Amino acid sequence: MWGPHFHYEDAAMLSGTVRVAGVDEVGRGPLAGPVTSAAVVLDPDNIPFGINDSKKLTPKKREDLFDVLLDVADVSVAHASVEEVDRLNILQASFLAMRRAVNGLSDGPGLVLVDGAQIPPDLSCEARSIVKGDTISLSIAAASIIAKVTRDRIMWDLAQQFPGYGWETNAGYGSKSHMAALETLGATPHHRRSFKPVHNILYQVKT
């Protein structure tokens, strides 16, 4: 079975680009929590075995690769807060998190490979968008692992502070139990008020 490869990165480096970063984000769809983005520059001579789209890996494998990547790659993680999601809209907040992640790398990349069809505006270097990039590019797949593990840990921590919503398992997505908890417990400061299900419940309570 084919997995992500290093072809885009190799081609860029052959043409003189020294550092190529993969960028991905998680958390566009949830009703609660931040948007989290990661930027990863892999060492071509030390690419961990088993990197794949984070959704195709077991939680244990993701955690293991997360630790390895922190050791052998240049990794930057950044977020856009719930307040920024509500103020900017989810797309612009995702772009903001991606820009912050790229800017947080120890040394600026010459090329950024971005998962998806759209490139965040105002990046500090050249960028290329790759649809389903987390299944194609090893650098983007690595970023997807870092972003997912980081955000899952954030949501687990928030679940301890705000029990009842199931964030430790649903990561803030609108699962049946999460929706039921919203109805009975109401919204927390970590809920995205600009998202219709949250907005509707808030205003349903007030009328």
N, C-alpha and C. Protein backbone atom coordinates (compact mmCIF):
# COMPACT_ATOMS: atom_id res chain seq x y z
N MET A 1 0.84 -1.19 0.00
CA MET A 1 0.00 0.00 0.00
C MET A 1 0.88 1.26 0.00
N TRP A 2 0.56 2.18 -0.88
CA TRP A 2 1.38 3.38 -1.00
C TRP A 2 1.08 4.35 0.12
N GLY A 3 2.10 5.01 0.58
CA GLY A 3 1.93 6.03 1.62
C GLY A 3 2.57 7.34 1.17
N PRO A 4 2.70 8.29 2.08
CA PRO A 4 3.32 9.56 1.74
C PRO A 4 4.77 9.37 1.27
N HIS A 5 5.20 10.28 0.41
CA HIS A 5 6.57 10.20 -0.12
C HIS A 5 7.29 11.53 0.09
N PHE A 6 8.53 11.58 -0.37
CA PHE A 6 9.38 12.76 -0.18
C PHE A 6 9.71 13.41 -1.53
N HIS A 7 8.90 13.13 -2.56
CA HIS A 7 9.23 13.59 -3.91
C HIS A 7 9.22 15.11 -4.03
N TYR A 8 8.20 15.76 -3.48
CA TYR A 8 8.11 17.22 -3.58
C TYR A 8 9.29 17.88 -2.87
N GLU A 9 9.61 17.34 -1.71
CA GLU A 9 10.72 17.90 -0.94
C GLU A 9 12.05 17.69 -1.68
N ASP A 10 12.26 16.48 -2.21
CA ASP A 10 13.49 16.20 -2.95
C ASP A 10 13.64 17.12 -4.16
N ALA A 11 12.55 17.30 -4.90
CA ALA A 11 12.59 18.15 -6.10
C ALA A 11 12.95 19.58 -5.73
N ALA A 12 12.36 20.08 -4.64
CA ALA A 12 12.66 21.45 -4.21
C ALA A 12 14.12 21.59 -3.80
N MET A 13 14.63 20.58 -3.08
CA MET A 13 16.02 20.65 -2.62
C MET A 13 17.00 20.52 -3.79
N LEU A 14 16.64 19.73 -4.79
CA LEU A 14 17.48 19.61 -5.99
C LEU A 14 17.58 20.94 -6.73
N SER A 15 16.50 21.73 -6.64
CA SER A 15 16.51 23.03 -7.33
C SER A 15 17.09 24.14 -6.46
N GLY A 16 17.60 23.79 -5.27
CA GLY A 16 18.32 24.76 -4.46
C GLY A 16 17.63 25.22 -3.19
N THR A 17 16.41 24.75 -2.94
CA THR A 17 15.72 25.12 -1.70
C THR A 17 16.25 24.25 -0.57
N VAL A 18 16.84 24.89 0.42
CA VAL A 18 17.51 24.13 1.47
C VAL A 18 16.51 23.51 2.45
N ARG A 19 15.51 24.31 2.87
CA ARG A 19 14.59 23.85 3.90
C ARG A 19 13.16 23.85 3.37
N VAL A 20 12.52 22.70 3.45
CA VAL A 20 11.13 22.55 3.01
C VAL A 20 10.30 22.15 4.23
N ALA A 21 9.25 22.93 4.50
CA ALA A 21 8.39 22.64 5.64
C ALA A 21 7.04 22.11 5.18
N GLY A 22 6.54 21.13 5.87
CA GLY A 22 5.17 20.68 5.68
C GLY A 22 4.30 21.34 6.74
N VAL A 23 3.10 21.78 6.34
CA VAL A 23 2.20 22.47 7.27
C VAL A 23 0.81 21.84 7.20
N ASP A 24 0.23 21.60 8.35
CA ASP A 24 -1.14 21.09 8.42
C ASP A 24 -1.80 21.65 9.66
N GLU A 25 -3.12 21.62 9.66
CA GLU A 25 -3.86 22.08 10.84
C GLU A 25 -4.95 21.07 11.18
N VAL A 26 -5.36 21.09 12.43
CA VAL A 26 -6.51 20.30 12.87
C VAL A 26 -7.42 21.21 13.67
N GLY A 27 -8.70 20.88 13.64
CA GLY A 27 -9.63 21.62 14.47
C GLY A 27 -10.49 22.62 13.74
N ARG A 28 -10.68 22.47 12.43
CA ARG A 28 -11.60 23.38 11.74
C ARG A 28 -13.05 23.07 12.10
N GLY A 29 -13.37 21.79 12.25
CA GLY A 29 -14.76 21.39 12.40
C GLY A 29 -15.34 21.39 13.80
N PRO A 30 -14.52 21.26 14.86
CA PRO A 30 -15.10 21.14 16.20
C PRO A 30 -15.91 22.36 16.63
N LEU A 31 -16.77 22.15 17.60
CA LEU A 31 -17.57 23.23 18.18
C LEU A 31 -16.84 23.92 19.32
N ALA A 32 -15.75 23.33 19.78
CA ALA A 32 -15.01 23.87 20.91
C ALA A 32 -13.52 23.68 20.72
N GLY A 33 -12.75 24.55 21.38
CA GLY A 33 -11.30 24.43 21.36
C GLY A 33 -10.64 25.22 20.25
N PRO A 34 -9.33 25.33 20.31
CA PRO A 34 -8.58 26.12 19.33
C PRO A 34 -8.41 25.38 18.01
N VAL A 35 -7.94 26.12 17.01
CA VAL A 35 -7.40 25.51 15.79
C VAL A 35 -5.90 25.37 16.03
N THR A 36 -5.36 24.21 15.75
CA THR A 36 -3.94 23.94 16.00
C THR A 36 -3.24 23.61 14.69
N SER A 37 -2.11 24.26 14.47
CA SER A 37 -1.33 24.01 13.25
C SER A 37 0.09 23.61 13.64
N ALA A 38 0.70 22.81 12.77
CA ALA A 38 2.10 22.45 12.96
C ALA A 38 2.86 22.65 11.66
N ALA A 39 4.10 23.06 11.79
CA ALA A 39 5.03 23.13 10.66
C ALA A 39 6.22 22.24 11.00
N VAL A 40 6.61 21.40 10.06
CA VAL A 40 7.69 20.44 10.32
C VAL A 40 8.68 20.45 9.15
N VAL A 41 9.95 20.59 9.48
CA VAL A 41 11.02 20.43 8.50
C VAL A 41 11.74 19.14 8.84
N LEU A 42 11.60 18.13 7.97
CA LEU A 42 12.25 16.84 8.20
C LEU A 42 13.72 16.89 7.79
N ASP A 43 14.53 16.11 8.47
CA ASP A 43 15.92 15.90 8.07
C ASP A 43 15.91 14.79 7.01
N PRO A 44 16.30 15.09 5.76
CA PRO A 44 16.24 14.08 4.70
C PRO A 44 17.02 12.81 5.03
N ASP A 45 18.02 12.94 5.90
CA ASP A 45 18.86 11.79 6.25
C ASP A 45 18.36 11.05 7.49
N ASN A 46 17.27 11.54 8.08
CA ASN A 46 16.77 10.91 9.31
C ASN A 46 15.25 11.07 9.39
N ILE A 47 14.56 10.43 8.44
CA ILE A 47 13.10 10.48 8.41
C ILE A 47 12.55 9.27 9.17
N PRO A 48 11.80 9.49 10.22
CA PRO A 48 11.28 8.36 11.00
C PRO A 48 10.42 7.42 10.16
N PHE A 49 10.54 6.15 10.41
CA PHE A 49 9.73 5.16 9.69
C PHE A 49 8.29 5.19 10.21
N GLY A 50 7.34 5.04 9.29
CA GLY A 50 5.94 4.90 9.69
C GLY A 50 5.12 6.17 9.62
N ILE A 51 5.73 7.28 9.19
CA ILE A 51 4.96 8.53 9.08
C ILE A 51 3.84 8.36 8.07
N ASN A 52 2.64 8.78 8.46
CA ASN A 52 1.48 8.70 7.57
C ASN A 52 0.48 9.75 8.02
N ASP A 53 -0.55 9.94 7.22
CA ASP A 53 -1.67 10.79 7.60
C ASP A 53 -2.10 10.40 9.01
N SER A 54 -2.19 11.39 9.91
CA SER A 54 -2.47 11.08 11.32
C SER A 54 -3.76 10.29 11.50
N LYS A 55 -4.73 10.50 10.60
CA LYS A 55 -6.01 9.80 10.72
C LYS A 55 -5.88 8.32 10.42
N LYS A 56 -4.79 7.93 9.79
CA LYS A 56 -4.59 6.51 9.45
C LYS A 56 -3.74 5.77 10.48
N LEU A 57 -3.34 6.47 11.52
CA LEU A 57 -2.49 5.87 12.53
C LEU A 57 -3.27 5.63 13.82
N THR A 58 -2.87 4.65 14.58
CA THR A 58 -3.47 4.43 15.89
C THR A 58 -3.00 5.53 16.84
N PRO A 59 -3.76 5.80 17.89
CA PRO A 59 -3.30 6.79 18.87
C PRO A 59 -1.90 6.49 19.41
N LYS A 60 -1.61 5.22 19.67
CA LYS A 60 -0.29 4.83 20.19
C LYS A 60 0.81 5.17 19.17
N LYS A 61 0.57 4.85 17.90
CA LYS A 61 1.56 5.12 16.86
C LYS A 61 1.76 6.63 16.69
N ARG A 62 0.66 7.39 16.76
CA ARG A 62 0.79 8.85 16.67
C ARG A 62 1.65 9.40 17.81
N GLU A 63 1.39 8.92 19.01
CA GLU A 63 2.15 9.39 20.17
C GLU A 63 3.64 9.05 20.03
N ASP A 64 3.91 7.83 19.57
CA ASP A 64 5.31 7.42 19.40
C ASP A 64 6.02 8.29 18.37
N LEU A 65 5.36 8.52 17.23
CA LEU A 65 5.96 9.33 16.17
C LEU A 65 6.09 10.78 16.60
N PHE A 66 5.15 11.27 17.38
CA PHE A 66 5.22 12.63 17.92
C PHE A 66 6.53 12.83 18.67
N ASP A 67 6.84 11.89 19.56
CA ASP A 67 8.06 12.00 20.36
C ASP A 67 9.31 11.93 19.49
N VAL A 68 9.30 11.03 18.52
CA VAL A 68 10.46 10.88 17.63
C VAL A 68 10.66 12.15 16.80
N LEU A 69 9.57 12.67 16.26
CA LEU A 69 9.67 13.87 15.42
C LEU A 69 10.22 15.06 16.20
N LEU A 70 9.83 15.19 17.45
CA LEU A 70 10.36 16.29 18.26
C LEU A 70 11.88 16.17 18.41
N ASP A 71 12.38 14.94 18.37
CA ASP A 71 13.83 14.71 18.51
C ASP A 71 14.61 14.96 17.23
N VAL A 72 14.02 14.59 16.08
CA VAL A 72 14.82 14.55 14.85
C VAL A 72 14.44 15.60 13.81
N ALA A 73 13.37 16.35 14.04
CA ALA A 73 12.92 17.34 13.05
C ALA A 73 12.82 18.72 13.69
N ASP A 74 12.75 19.75 12.84
CA ASP A 74 12.46 21.10 13.32
C ASP A 74 10.94 21.23 13.35
N VAL A 75 10.38 21.39 14.53
CA VAL A 75 8.93 21.36 14.72
C VAL A 75 8.46 22.66 15.37
N SER A 76 7.39 23.21 14.83
CA SER A 76 6.76 24.39 15.43
C SER A 76 5.25 24.16 15.49
N VAL A 77 4.66 24.48 16.63
CA VAL A 77 3.21 24.35 16.81
C VAL A 77 2.63 25.70 17.18
N ALA A 78 1.48 26.03 16.62
CA ALA A 78 0.83 27.30 16.95
C ALA A 78 -0.69 27.11 16.91
N HIS A 79 -1.39 28.08 17.46
CA HIS A 79 -2.84 27.97 17.59
C HIS A 79 -3.52 29.27 17.18
N ALA A 80 -4.79 29.16 16.87
CA ALA A 80 -5.69 30.31 16.85
C ALA A 80 -6.76 30.01 17.88
N SER A 81 -7.02 30.96 18.76
CA SER A 81 -7.91 30.75 19.89
C SER A 81 -9.37 30.74 19.46
N VAL A 82 -10.22 30.30 20.37
CA VAL A 82 -11.66 30.33 20.13
C VAL A 82 -12.11 31.76 19.83
N GLU A 83 -11.56 32.74 20.56
CA GLU A 83 -11.91 34.14 20.33
C GLU A 83 -11.53 34.56 18.91
N GLU A 84 -10.37 34.10 18.45
CA GLU A 84 -9.94 34.45 17.09
C GLU A 84 -10.81 33.75 16.05
N VAL A 85 -11.21 32.52 16.31
CA VAL A 85 -12.13 31.82 15.40
C VAL A 85 -13.42 32.60 15.27
N ASP A 86 -13.97 33.04 16.40
CA ASP A 86 -15.24 33.77 16.38
C ASP A 86 -15.10 35.14 15.73
N ARG A 87 -13.95 35.76 15.91
CA ARG A 87 -13.77 37.11 15.36
C ARG A 87 -13.44 37.09 13.86
N LEU A 88 -12.61 36.15 13.45
CA LEU A 88 -12.08 36.16 12.08
C LEU A 88 -12.89 35.30 11.12
N ASN A 89 -13.43 34.21 11.56
CA ASN A 89 -14.07 33.07 10.89
C ASN A 89 -13.07 31.92 10.86
N ILE A 90 -13.56 30.72 10.68
CA ILE A 90 -12.72 29.54 10.87
C ILE A 90 -11.61 29.43 9.83
N LEU A 91 -11.88 29.84 8.58
CA LEU A 91 -10.85 29.75 7.55
C LEU A 91 -9.69 30.69 7.86
N GLN A 92 -10.01 31.95 8.17
CA GLN A 92 -8.95 32.92 8.46
C GLN A 92 -8.19 32.55 9.74
N ALA A 93 -8.89 31.98 10.72
CA ALA A 93 -8.22 31.54 11.94
C ALA A 93 -7.26 30.39 11.64
N SER A 94 -7.67 29.49 10.73
CA SER A 94 -6.78 28.39 10.33
C SER A 94 -5.53 28.92 9.65
N PHE A 95 -5.72 29.90 8.76
CA PHE A 95 -4.57 30.54 8.10
C PHE A 95 -3.65 31.19 9.12
N LEU A 96 -4.24 31.85 10.11
CA LEU A 96 -3.45 32.51 11.15
C LEU A 96 -2.60 31.50 11.92
N ALA A 97 -3.20 30.38 12.29
CA ALA A 97 -2.46 29.34 13.01
C ALA A 97 -1.32 28.80 12.15
N MET A 98 -1.58 28.62 10.85
CA MET A 98 -0.52 28.12 9.95
C MET A 98 0.63 29.12 9.84
N ARG A 99 0.30 30.40 9.68
CA ARG A 99 1.36 31.42 9.59
C ARG A 99 2.19 31.43 10.87
N ARG A 100 1.52 31.35 12.00
CA ARG A 100 2.25 31.35 13.28
C ARG A 100 3.17 30.14 13.39
N ALA A 101 2.70 28.99 12.91
CA ALA A 101 3.53 27.78 12.97
C ALA A 101 4.77 27.93 12.09
N VAL A 102 4.59 28.43 10.88
CA VAL A 102 5.74 28.62 9.97
C VAL A 102 6.72 29.62 10.58
N ASN A 103 6.20 30.72 11.12
CA ASN A 103 7.06 31.75 11.70
C ASN A 103 7.80 31.26 12.95
N GLY A 104 7.28 30.20 13.57
CA GLY A 104 7.89 29.68 14.78
C GLY A 104 9.02 28.69 14.56
N LEU A 105 9.27 28.31 13.31
CA LEU A 105 10.38 27.39 13.03
C LEU A 105 11.71 28.05 13.39
N SER A 106 12.68 27.24 13.75
CA SER A 106 13.96 27.79 14.22
C SER A 106 14.68 28.56 13.12
N ASP A 107 14.45 28.15 11.88
CA ASP A 107 15.04 28.84 10.73
C ASP A 107 13.99 28.85 9.63
N GLY A 108 13.83 29.96 8.97
CA GLY A 108 12.76 30.09 7.97
C GLY A 108 12.94 29.12 6.81
N PRO A 109 11.86 28.47 6.37
CA PRO A 109 11.95 27.57 5.22
C PRO A 109 11.97 28.35 3.90
N GLY A 110 12.46 27.70 2.86
CA GLY A 110 12.42 28.30 1.54
C GLY A 110 11.13 27.97 0.81
N LEU A 111 10.51 26.87 1.21
CA LEU A 111 9.25 26.43 0.60
C LEU A 111 8.38 25.80 1.67
N VAL A 112 7.09 26.11 1.62
CA VAL A 112 6.12 25.49 2.52
C VAL A 112 5.14 24.67 1.69
N LEU A 113 4.96 23.41 2.06
CA LEU A 113 3.95 22.55 1.45
C LEU A 113 2.75 22.53 2.38
N VAL A 114 1.61 23.01 1.87
CA VAL A 114 0.43 23.19 2.70
C VAL A 114 -0.63 22.16 2.35
N ASP A 115 -1.18 21.52 3.37
CA ASP A 115 -2.26 20.57 3.12
C ASP A 115 -3.53 21.32 2.72
N GLY A 116 -4.19 20.84 1.65
CA GLY A 116 -5.45 21.45 1.23
C GLY A 116 -5.32 22.20 -0.08
N ALA A 117 -6.39 22.90 -0.43
CA ALA A 117 -6.44 23.58 -1.73
C ALA A 117 -6.03 25.04 -1.64
N GLN A 118 -5.95 25.59 -0.42
CA GLN A 118 -5.70 27.02 -0.26
C GLN A 118 -4.42 27.28 0.51
N ILE A 119 -3.73 28.33 0.09
CA ILE A 119 -2.48 28.73 0.74
C ILE A 119 -2.77 29.93 1.63
N PRO A 120 -2.34 29.90 2.88
CA PRO A 120 -2.53 31.07 3.74
C PRO A 120 -1.86 32.30 3.15
N PRO A 121 -2.53 33.45 3.16
CA PRO A 121 -1.88 34.66 2.64
C PRO A 121 -0.77 35.11 3.59
N ASP A 122 0.14 35.91 3.03
CA ASP A 122 1.19 36.56 3.84
C ASP A 122 2.18 35.59 4.47
N LEU A 123 2.39 34.43 3.84
CA LEU A 123 3.47 33.56 4.33
C LEU A 123 4.81 34.21 3.99
N SER A 124 5.82 33.89 4.77
CA SER A 124 7.12 34.54 4.62
C SER A 124 7.97 33.91 3.51
N CYS A 125 7.43 32.91 2.81
CA CYS A 125 8.22 32.26 1.75
C CYS A 125 7.26 31.68 0.70
N GLU A 126 7.85 31.09 -0.31
CA GLU A 126 7.06 30.44 -1.36
C GLU A 126 6.26 29.28 -0.76
N ALA A 127 5.08 29.02 -1.32
CA ALA A 127 4.25 27.93 -0.80
C ALA A 127 3.57 27.20 -1.94
N ARG A 128 3.26 25.96 -1.67
CA ARG A 128 2.54 25.13 -2.64
C ARG A 128 1.45 24.37 -1.90
N SER A 129 0.23 24.42 -2.42
CA SER A 129 -0.86 23.67 -1.78
C SER A 129 -0.96 22.29 -2.41
N ILE A 130 -1.23 21.29 -1.57
CA ILE A 130 -1.37 19.91 -2.04
C ILE A 130 -2.66 19.34 -1.43
N VAL A 131 -3.64 19.09 -2.29
CA VAL A 131 -4.89 18.50 -1.83
C VAL A 131 -4.61 17.09 -1.32
N LYS A 132 -5.16 16.76 -0.15
CA LYS A 132 -4.88 15.49 0.54
C LYS A 132 -3.38 15.33 0.78
N GLY A 133 -2.74 16.46 1.06
CA GLY A 133 -1.29 16.47 1.24
C GLY A 133 -0.80 15.58 2.36
N ASP A 134 -1.66 15.37 3.38
CA ASP A 134 -1.23 14.52 4.50
C ASP A 134 -1.14 13.05 4.10
N THR A 135 -1.68 12.68 2.94
CA THR A 135 -1.54 11.31 2.44
C THR A 135 -0.46 11.22 1.36
N ILE A 136 0.12 12.37 0.97
CA ILE A 136 1.04 12.42 -0.17
C ILE A 136 2.45 12.82 0.24
N SER A 137 2.55 13.87 1.05
CA SER A 137 3.86 14.41 1.43
C SER A 137 4.23 13.98 2.84
N LEU A 138 5.44 13.45 2.99
CA LEU A 138 5.90 13.04 4.33
C LEU A 138 5.98 14.22 5.29
N SER A 139 6.38 15.38 4.77
CA SER A 139 6.48 16.56 5.64
C SER A 139 5.11 17.00 6.15
N ILE A 140 4.11 16.98 5.26
CA ILE A 140 2.76 17.36 5.68
C ILE A 140 2.19 16.30 6.63
N ALA A 141 2.43 15.02 6.32
CA ALA A 141 1.96 13.94 7.20
C ALA A 141 2.56 14.10 8.60
N ALA A 142 3.84 14.45 8.65
CA ALA A 142 4.49 14.66 9.95
C ALA A 142 3.82 15.82 10.69
N ALA A 143 3.51 16.89 9.95
CA ALA A 143 2.82 18.04 10.57
C ALA A 143 1.44 17.64 11.07
N SER A 144 0.77 16.76 10.33
CA SER A 144 -0.58 16.33 10.76
C SER A 144 -0.51 15.55 12.07
N ILE A 145 0.55 14.78 12.25
CA ILE A 145 0.72 14.01 13.50
C ILE A 145 0.96 14.96 14.67
N ILE A 146 1.88 15.91 14.47
CA ILE A 146 2.20 16.86 15.55
C ILE A 146 0.96 17.67 15.93
N ALA A 147 0.24 18.16 14.92
CA ALA A 147 -0.93 19.00 15.20
C ALA A 147 -2.02 18.22 15.91
N LYS A 148 -2.28 16.99 15.45
CA LYS A 148 -3.37 16.22 16.05
C LYS A 148 -3.07 15.81 17.49
N VAL A 149 -1.86 15.31 17.74
CA VAL A 149 -1.52 14.90 19.09
C VAL A 149 -1.58 16.10 20.04
N THR A 150 -1.04 17.23 19.57
CA THR A 150 -1.05 18.44 20.42
C THR A 150 -2.47 18.87 20.74
N ARG A 151 -3.34 18.92 19.74
CA ARG A 151 -4.70 19.40 19.99
C ARG A 151 -5.49 18.40 20.83
N ASP A 152 -5.30 17.11 20.57
CA ASP A 152 -5.99 16.09 21.39
C ASP A 152 -5.61 16.24 22.86
N ARG A 153 -4.34 16.54 23.13
CA ARG A 153 -3.90 16.72 24.51
C ARG A 153 -4.54 17.97 25.13
N ILE A 154 -4.64 19.02 24.35
CA ILE A 154 -5.29 20.25 24.84
C ILE A 154 -6.74 19.95 25.20
N MET A 155 -7.44 19.23 24.31
CA MET A 155 -8.85 18.94 24.56
C MET A 155 -9.02 17.99 25.75
N TRP A 156 -8.07 17.09 25.94
CA TRP A 156 -8.12 16.20 27.11
C TRP A 156 -7.99 17.02 28.39
N ASP A 157 -7.04 17.98 28.38
CA ASP A 157 -6.87 18.85 29.55
C ASP A 157 -8.13 19.67 29.82
N LEU A 158 -8.71 20.22 28.76
CA LEU A 158 -9.93 21.02 28.93
C LEU A 158 -11.09 20.16 29.43
N ALA A 159 -11.09 18.89 29.04
CA ALA A 159 -12.15 17.98 29.49
C ALA A 159 -12.09 17.77 31.00
N GLN A 160 -10.90 17.85 31.58
CA GLN A 160 -10.78 17.71 33.04
C GLN A 160 -11.36 18.93 33.74
N GLN A 161 -11.24 20.09 33.09
CA GLN A 161 -11.74 21.33 33.68
C GLN A 161 -13.25 21.50 33.45
N PHE A 162 -13.72 20.96 32.33
CA PHE A 162 -15.14 21.09 31.96
C PHE A 162 -15.69 19.70 31.65
N PRO A 163 -15.92 18.89 32.68
CA PRO A 163 -16.39 17.52 32.43
C PRO A 163 -17.83 17.52 31.91
N GLY A 164 -18.16 16.44 31.21
CA GLY A 164 -19.53 16.25 30.75
C GLY A 164 -19.70 16.38 29.25
N TYR A 165 -18.76 17.04 28.59
CA TYR A 165 -18.90 17.26 27.15
C TYR A 165 -18.20 16.18 26.31
N GLY A 166 -17.41 15.35 26.98
CA GLY A 166 -16.75 14.25 26.27
C GLY A 166 -15.58 14.66 25.41
N TRP A 167 -14.97 15.82 25.73
CA TRP A 167 -13.88 16.31 24.88
C TRP A 167 -12.68 15.38 24.87
N GLU A 168 -12.55 14.55 25.92
CA GLU A 168 -11.40 13.63 25.95
C GLU A 168 -11.52 12.57 24.86
N THR A 169 -12.71 12.36 24.34
CA THR A 169 -12.89 11.38 23.25
C THR A 169 -13.36 12.03 21.95
N ASN A 170 -14.17 13.10 22.02
CA ASN A 170 -14.69 13.69 20.76
C ASN A 170 -13.87 14.89 20.29
N ALA A 171 -12.88 15.32 21.08
CA ALA A 171 -11.97 16.42 20.73
C ALA A 171 -12.71 17.72 20.38
N GLY A 172 -13.93 17.85 20.89
CA GLY A 172 -14.69 19.07 20.65
C GLY A 172 -15.64 19.01 19.46
N TYR A 173 -15.58 17.91 18.72
CA TYR A 173 -16.51 17.75 17.59
C TYR A 173 -17.94 17.56 18.10
N GLY A 174 -18.90 17.81 17.24
CA GLY A 174 -20.30 17.80 17.64
C GLY A 174 -20.91 16.42 17.69
N SER A 175 -20.36 15.55 18.50
CA SER A 175 -20.92 14.21 18.66
C SER A 175 -22.28 14.30 19.34
N LYS A 176 -23.01 13.20 19.32
CA LYS A 176 -24.35 13.17 19.91
C LYS A 176 -24.28 13.53 21.41
N SER A 177 -23.29 12.97 22.10
CA SER A 177 -23.18 13.24 23.54
C SER A 177 -22.76 14.69 23.81
N HIS A 178 -21.92 15.23 22.93
CA HIS A 178 -21.50 16.63 23.08
C HIS A 178 -22.69 17.56 22.88
N MET A 179 -23.50 17.28 21.86
CA MET A 179 -24.68 18.10 21.60
C MET A 179 -25.67 18.02 22.77
N ALA A 180 -25.83 16.83 23.31
CA ALA A 180 -26.73 16.66 24.45
C ALA A 180 -26.23 17.44 25.66
N ALA A 181 -24.90 17.43 25.88
CA ALA A 181 -24.32 18.16 27.00
C ALA A 181 -24.48 19.68 26.81
N LEU A 182 -24.35 20.13 25.57
CA LEU A 182 -24.56 21.55 25.28
C LEU A 182 -25.98 21.97 25.68
N GLU A 183 -26.92 21.12 25.37
CA GLU A 183 -28.33 21.40 25.68
C GLU A 183 -28.55 21.46 27.20
N THR A 184 -27.93 20.54 27.92
CA THR A 184 -28.20 20.44 29.36
C THR A 184 -27.27 21.31 30.21
N LEU A 185 -26.00 21.40 29.83
CA LEU A 185 -25.01 22.13 30.63
C LEU A 185 -24.77 23.55 30.13
N GLY A 186 -25.13 23.81 28.87
CA GLY A 186 -24.86 25.12 28.27
C GLY A 186 -23.46 25.20 27.70
N ALA A 187 -23.11 26.37 27.19
CA ALA A 187 -21.82 26.58 26.54
C ALA A 187 -20.75 27.00 27.55
N THR A 188 -19.53 26.58 27.30
CA THR A 188 -18.37 26.97 28.12
C THR A 188 -17.65 28.13 27.41
N PRO A 189 -16.66 28.73 28.07
CA PRO A 189 -15.86 29.76 27.39
C PRO A 189 -15.07 29.20 26.20
N HIS A 190 -14.97 27.88 26.12
CA HIS A 190 -14.18 27.26 25.04
C HIS A 190 -15.05 26.86 23.84
N HIS A 191 -16.33 27.14 23.89
CA HIS A 191 -17.20 26.86 22.75
C HIS A 191 -17.15 28.02 21.74
N ARG A 192 -17.22 27.65 20.47
CA ARG A 192 -17.17 28.64 19.40
C ARG A 192 -18.58 29.20 19.16
N ARG A 193 -18.78 30.41 19.61
CA ARG A 193 -20.11 31.00 19.52
C ARG A 193 -20.55 31.32 18.10
N SER A 194 -19.59 31.41 17.18
CA SER A 194 -19.94 31.69 15.78
C SER A 194 -20.40 30.44 15.03
N PHE A 195 -20.26 29.27 15.66
CA PHE A 195 -20.69 28.03 15.02
C PHE A 195 -22.17 27.82 15.32
N LYS A 196 -22.92 27.52 14.28
CA LYS A 196 -24.38 27.51 14.38
C LYS A 196 -24.94 26.65 15.52
N PRO A 197 -24.48 25.42 15.72
CA PRO A 197 -25.07 24.62 16.80
C PRO A 197 -24.92 25.29 18.18
N VAL A 198 -23.77 25.92 18.42
CA VAL A 198 -23.54 26.61 19.69
C VAL A 198 -24.40 27.87 19.75
N HIS A 199 -24.37 28.64 18.68
CA HIS A 199 -25.16 29.88 18.59
C HIS A 199 -26.65 29.59 18.84
N ASN A 200 -27.15 28.55 18.18
CA ASN A 200 -28.57 28.23 18.31
C ASN A 200 -28.94 27.84 19.74
N ILE A 201 -28.08 27.07 20.39
CA ILE A 201 -28.37 26.65 21.76
C ILE A 201 -28.32 27.85 22.72
N LEU A 202 -27.34 28.73 22.51
CA LEU A 202 -27.25 29.92 23.37
C LEU A 202 -28.51 30.76 23.25
N TYR A 203 -28.97 30.96 22.04
CA TYR A 203 -30.12 31.85 21.86
C TYR A 203 -31.44 31.16 22.15
N GLN A 204 -31.42 29.85 22.03
CA GLN A 204 -32.62 29.07 22.39
C GLN A 204 -32.82 29.18 23.90
N VAL A 205 -31.70 29.17 24.66
CA VAL A 205 -31.79 29.27 26.11
C VAL A 205 -32.32 30.65 26.53
N LYS A 206 -31.93 31.68 25.78
CA LYS A 206 -32.29 33.04 26.16
C LYS A 206 -33.71 33.42 25.80
N THR A 207 -34.33 32.70 24.85
CA THR A 207 -35.68 33.09 24.44
C THR A 207 -36.72 32.30 25.19
